[in-house]
Amino acid sequence: MGLEDIRARIAKAETEAGRDPGSVTLIAVSKVQPLDRVEAVLEQGHRCFGENRVQEAAGKWPDFRERFDGIDLHLIGPLQTNKTRQAFGLFQAIHSVDRPKLANTIARIAQEEGHCPDVFIQVNTGEEDQKAGIMPADADAFIAECRAMDLPVQGLMCIPPVDEEPALHFALLGKIAARNGLTGLSMGMSGDFEKAIALGATHVRVGSAIFGERVAPDSA
């Protein structure tokens, strides 16, 4: 496993799905990875990374940005409204827009700042109580609401339930995107990204298969 292996598997999956080469963006999920592992992937020329928490990203990426050009950082974890302004200074895309209050906050800060990260709306395709995301039945209305706020909605994101066939959830997300004229599909992780690519993923989120198993942060 490693970056080159994952790139090769993505290219093969693109070909098998009849997709254009390079049509899938690999987001290297660097959350709670040691800095030396992240730096090694940067040294290999990769520039698109995903973080789960604003605070962790704020402690890691400004230094890397001073040393590496062209870093494209995506927030793939939940965003608290009180961290939204800080997120604007760190991330080029937010994949977890999942409720009207957050969408309103992003829209307001975008007006004040004069720019806005790309937005992906998180859909709770498994309708799981413990998971963030707009319910599938509410997705069309929420997409329209976000567009009415002039948010740059690029697509949708989902995290399938761990005990269900992910392809069913990828297909559902694709249907919601298609009927709303959205082309971005942020779906697929280390264990299932080939299935996601076959079903139209434009962004896959791969962590452990690139970096190795995550290291739990100190409890302190």
Protein backbone atom coordinates (compact mmCIF):
# COMPACT_ATOMS: atom_id res chain seq x y z
CA MET A 1 0.00 0.00 0.00
CA GLY A 2 0.98 3.60 -0.39
CA LEU A 3 0.34 6.63 -2.59
CA GLU A 4 1.54 5.12 -5.86
CA ASP A 5 -0.46 1.95 -5.31
CA ILE A 6 -3.64 3.93 -4.65
CA ARG A 7 -3.04 6.15 -7.69
CA ALA A 8 -2.64 3.04 -9.85
CA ARG A 9 -5.83 1.49 -8.45
CA ILE A 10 -7.76 4.72 -9.10
CA ALA A 11 -6.47 4.85 -12.70
CA LYS A 12 -7.49 1.21 -13.25
CA ALA A 13 -10.95 1.86 -11.76
CA GLU A 14 -11.38 4.93 -14.00
CA THR A 15 -10.52 2.85 -17.08
CA GLU A 16 -12.83 -0.01 -16.10
CA ALA A 17 -15.69 2.43 -15.51
CA GLY A 18 -15.12 4.14 -18.86
CA ARG A 19 -14.16 7.35 -17.08
CA ASP A 20 -11.63 9.87 -18.35
CA PRO A 21 -8.14 9.46 -16.87
CA GLY A 22 -7.67 11.90 -13.99
CA SER A 23 -11.40 12.50 -13.54
CA VAL A 24 -11.24 11.32 -9.92
CA THR A 25 -9.58 13.50 -7.27
CA LEU A 26 -7.73 11.62 -4.55
CA ILE A 27 -8.16 13.25 -1.15
CA ALA A 28 -5.40 11.91 1.11
CA VAL A 29 -7.01 11.84 4.56
CA SER A 30 -4.30 13.10 6.87
CA LYS A 31 -6.32 13.42 10.10
CA VAL A 32 -4.34 12.34 13.20
CA GLN A 33 -1.44 11.22 11.01
CA PRO A 34 2.08 12.06 12.25
CA LEU A 35 3.60 15.05 10.49
CA ASP A 36 6.45 13.01 9.02
CA ARG A 37 3.98 10.72 7.21
CA VAL A 38 2.11 13.71 5.79
CA GLU A 39 5.38 15.33 4.73
CA ALA A 40 6.45 12.14 2.95
CA VAL A 41 3.28 12.22 0.84
CA LEU A 42 3.81 15.93 0.10
CA GLU A 43 7.36 15.11 -0.99
CA GLN A 44 5.90 12.62 -3.48
CA GLY A 45 4.06 15.52 -5.11
CA HIS A 46 0.56 14.95 -3.77
CA ARG A 47 -1.28 18.14 -2.86
CA CYS A 48 -4.93 17.31 -2.06
CA PHE A 49 -5.57 16.40 1.58
CA GLY A 50 -8.54 15.94 3.89
CA GLU A 51 -8.88 16.85 7.56
CA ASN A 52 -11.70 16.14 10.00
CA ARG A 53 -11.24 18.97 12.46
CA VAL A 54 -10.57 22.67 12.04
CA GLN A 55 -8.31 22.86 15.11
CA GLU A 56 -6.08 20.00 13.98
CA ALA A 57 -5.78 21.48 10.49
CA ALA A 58 -4.90 24.89 11.93
CA GLY A 59 -2.02 23.35 13.84
CA LYS A 60 -0.64 21.46 10.86
CA TRP A 61 -1.19 23.10 7.48
CA PRO A 62 0.00 26.72 7.74
CA ASP A 63 3.59 25.46 8.21
CA PHE A 64 3.28 23.00 5.33
CA ARG A 65 1.87 25.76 3.10
CA GLU A 66 4.99 27.82 3.69
CA ARG A 67 7.09 24.99 2.29
CA PHE A 68 4.87 23.39 -0.36
CA ASP A 69 2.97 25.22 -3.10
CA GLY A 70 -0.50 24.37 -4.31
CA ILE A 71 -1.93 22.58 -1.28
CA ASP A 72 -5.65 21.87 -1.73
CA LEU A 73 -7.21 21.22 1.68
CA HIS A 74 -10.69 19.72 2.17
CA LEU A 75 -12.69 19.63 5.40
CA ILE A 76 -14.38 16.21 5.47
CA GLY A 77 -15.51 16.18 9.11
CA PRO A 78 -18.33 18.04 10.86
CA LEU A 79 -18.08 21.82 11.04
CA GLN A 80 -19.31 23.75 14.07
CA THR A 81 -20.77 27.10 13.13
CA ASN A 82 -18.40 28.92 15.52
CA LYS A 83 -15.41 27.49 13.59
CA THR A 84 -16.70 28.55 10.16
CA ARG A 85 -14.64 31.73 9.79
CA GLN A 86 -11.48 29.88 10.76
CA ALA A 87 -12.34 27.18 8.22
CA PHE A 88 -12.50 29.83 5.47
CA GLY A 89 -8.83 30.61 6.06
CA LEU A 90 -7.75 26.98 5.86
CA PHE A 91 -9.88 24.98 3.45
CA GLN A 92 -10.57 25.13 -0.27
CA ALA A 93 -13.62 22.87 0.10
CA ILE A 94 -16.07 21.88 2.84
CA HIS A 95 -17.64 18.44 2.34
CA SER A 96 -19.89 18.41 5.41
CA VAL A 97 -22.52 21.11 4.91
CA ASP A 98 -25.47 19.33 6.52
CA ARG A 99 -27.94 21.80 8.05
CA PRO A 100 -29.54 25.17 7.34
CA LYS A 101 -27.85 26.95 10.26
CA LEU A 102 -24.40 26.05 8.94
CA ALA A 103 -25.33 26.98 5.36
CA ASN A 104 -26.57 30.39 6.56
CA THR A 105 -23.34 30.96 8.50
CA ILE A 106 -21.20 30.06 5.49
CA ALA A 107 -23.24 32.36 3.26
CA ARG A 108 -22.93 35.27 5.68
CA ILE A 109 -19.17 34.88 6.10
CA ALA A 110 -18.75 34.47 2.33
CA GLN A 111 -20.39 37.88 1.87
CA GLU A 112 -18.08 39.42 4.45
CA GLU A 113 -14.90 37.73 3.18
CA GLY A 114 -15.61 38.03 -0.53
CA HIS A 115 -14.84 34.37 -1.21
CA CYS A 116 -16.16 30.95 -0.28
CA PRO A 117 -14.74 27.43 -0.21
CA ASP A 118 -16.39 24.93 -2.54
CA VAL A 119 -19.38 23.31 -0.84
CA PHE A 120 -20.42 19.67 -0.78
CA ILE A 121 -23.70 18.81 0.94
CA GLN A 122 -23.49 15.79 3.23
CA VAL A 123 -26.39 13.36 2.79
CA ASN A 124 -27.14 10.81 5.50
CA THR A 125 -27.93 8.06 2.99
CA GLY A 126 -28.31 5.44 5.74
CA GLU A 127 -30.62 7.69 7.78
CA GLU A 128 -28.51 6.91 10.86
CA ASP A 129 -29.39 8.79 14.04
CA GLN A 130 -25.77 9.13 15.14
CA LYS A 131 -24.47 10.41 11.80
CA ALA A 132 -24.50 13.92 10.40
CA GLY A 133 -26.06 14.75 7.08
CA ILE A 134 -29.31 15.89 5.58
CA MET A 135 -31.89 13.13 5.16
CA PRO A 136 -32.35 11.92 1.55
CA ALA A 137 -35.99 13.04 1.50
CA ASP A 138 -34.90 16.58 2.44
CA ALA A 139 -31.89 16.77 0.11
CA ASP A 140 -33.55 18.40 -2.91
CA ALA A 141 -35.01 21.23 -0.83
CA PHE A 142 -31.74 21.80 1.03
CA ILE A 143 -29.74 21.91 -2.22
CA ALA A 144 -32.16 24.53 -3.54
CA GLU A 145 -31.87 26.49 -0.29
CA CYS A 146 -28.05 26.51 -0.49
CA ARG A 147 -28.13 27.61 -4.12
CA ALA A 148 -30.53 30.41 -3.23
CA MET A 149 -27.85 31.67 -0.81
CA ASP A 150 -25.34 31.74 -3.71
CA LEU A 151 -23.23 29.01 -2.10
CA PRO A 152 -20.87 27.33 -4.58
CA VAL A 153 -22.46 23.88 -4.32
CA GLN A 154 -20.17 21.50 -6.19
CA GLY A 155 -21.78 18.22 -5.22
CA LEU A 156 -22.78 15.78 -2.50
CA MET A 157 -20.95 13.65 0.06
CA CYS A 158 -21.90 10.51 1.96
CA ILE A 159 -20.45 8.02 4.46
CA PRO A 160 -22.33 4.71 4.09
CA PRO A 161 -23.22 2.65 7.18
CA VAL A 162 -20.42 0.25 8.04
CA ASP A 163 -22.66 -2.82 7.95
CA GLU A 164 -24.39 -2.19 4.62
CA GLU A 165 -23.34 -2.60 0.98
CA PRO A 166 -21.76 0.78 0.12
CA ALA A 167 -22.72 0.56 -3.56
CA LEU A 168 -26.40 1.03 -2.65
CA HIS A 169 -25.54 4.30 -0.91
CA PHE A 170 -23.23 5.47 -3.70
CA ALA A 171 -26.02 4.83 -6.22
CA LEU A 172 -28.54 6.76 -4.09
CA LEU A 173 -26.17 9.73 -3.79
CA GLY A 174 -25.62 9.67 -7.55
CA LYS A 175 -29.37 9.76 -8.21
CA ILE A 176 -29.88 12.74 -5.89
CA ALA A 177 -26.98 14.58 -7.55
CA ALA A 178 -28.18 13.84 -11.08
CA ARG A 179 -31.71 15.10 -10.56
CA ASN A 180 -30.31 18.32 -9.08
CA GLY A 181 -27.76 18.86 -11.86
CA LEU A 182 -24.75 18.32 -9.60
CA THR A 183 -21.61 16.61 -10.90
CA GLY A 184 -19.50 16.35 -7.73
CA LEU A 185 -19.71 13.10 -5.74
CA SER A 186 -17.48 12.81 -2.67
CA MET A 187 -17.77 9.14 -1.80
CA GLY A 188 -15.60 6.10 -1.32
CA MET A 189 -12.86 5.42 1.23
CA SER A 190 -9.93 3.02 1.58
CA GLY A 191 -12.07 -0.12 1.52
CA ASP A 192 -14.55 0.73 -1.22
CA PHE A 193 -13.26 3.52 -3.46
CA GLU A 194 -13.22 1.35 -6.60
CA LYS A 195 -16.96 0.71 -6.19
CA ALA A 196 -17.48 4.44 -5.69
CA ILE A 197 -15.57 5.27 -8.88
CA ALA A 198 -17.66 2.75 -10.83
CA LEU A 199 -20.75 4.63 -9.59
CA GLY A 200 -19.49 8.11 -10.48
CA ALA A 201 -17.32 9.34 -7.59
CA THR A 202 -15.36 12.48 -8.43
CA HIS A 203 -13.58 12.65 -5.05
CA VAL A 204 -12.44 9.64 -3.02
CA ARG A 205 -11.21 9.94 0.56
CA VAL A 206 -8.36 7.55 1.31
CA GLY A 207 -6.34 7.61 4.53
CA SER A 208 -4.98 4.40 6.02
CA ALA A 209 -4.23 2.82 2.63
CA ILE A 210 -1.86 5.73 1.91
CA PHE A 211 -0.43 6.60 5.31
CA GLY A 212 -0.79 3.37 7.27
CA GLU A 213 -3.09 2.91 10.22
CA ARG A 214 -4.05 6.10 12.03
CA VAL A 215 -2.26 6.93 15.25
CA ALA A 216 -4.65 7.83 18.05
CA PRO A 217 -3.96 11.29 19.48
CA ASP A 218 -2.66 11.55 23.01
CA SER A 219 -5.43 11.83 25.59
CA ALA A 220 -3.74 14.85 27.10
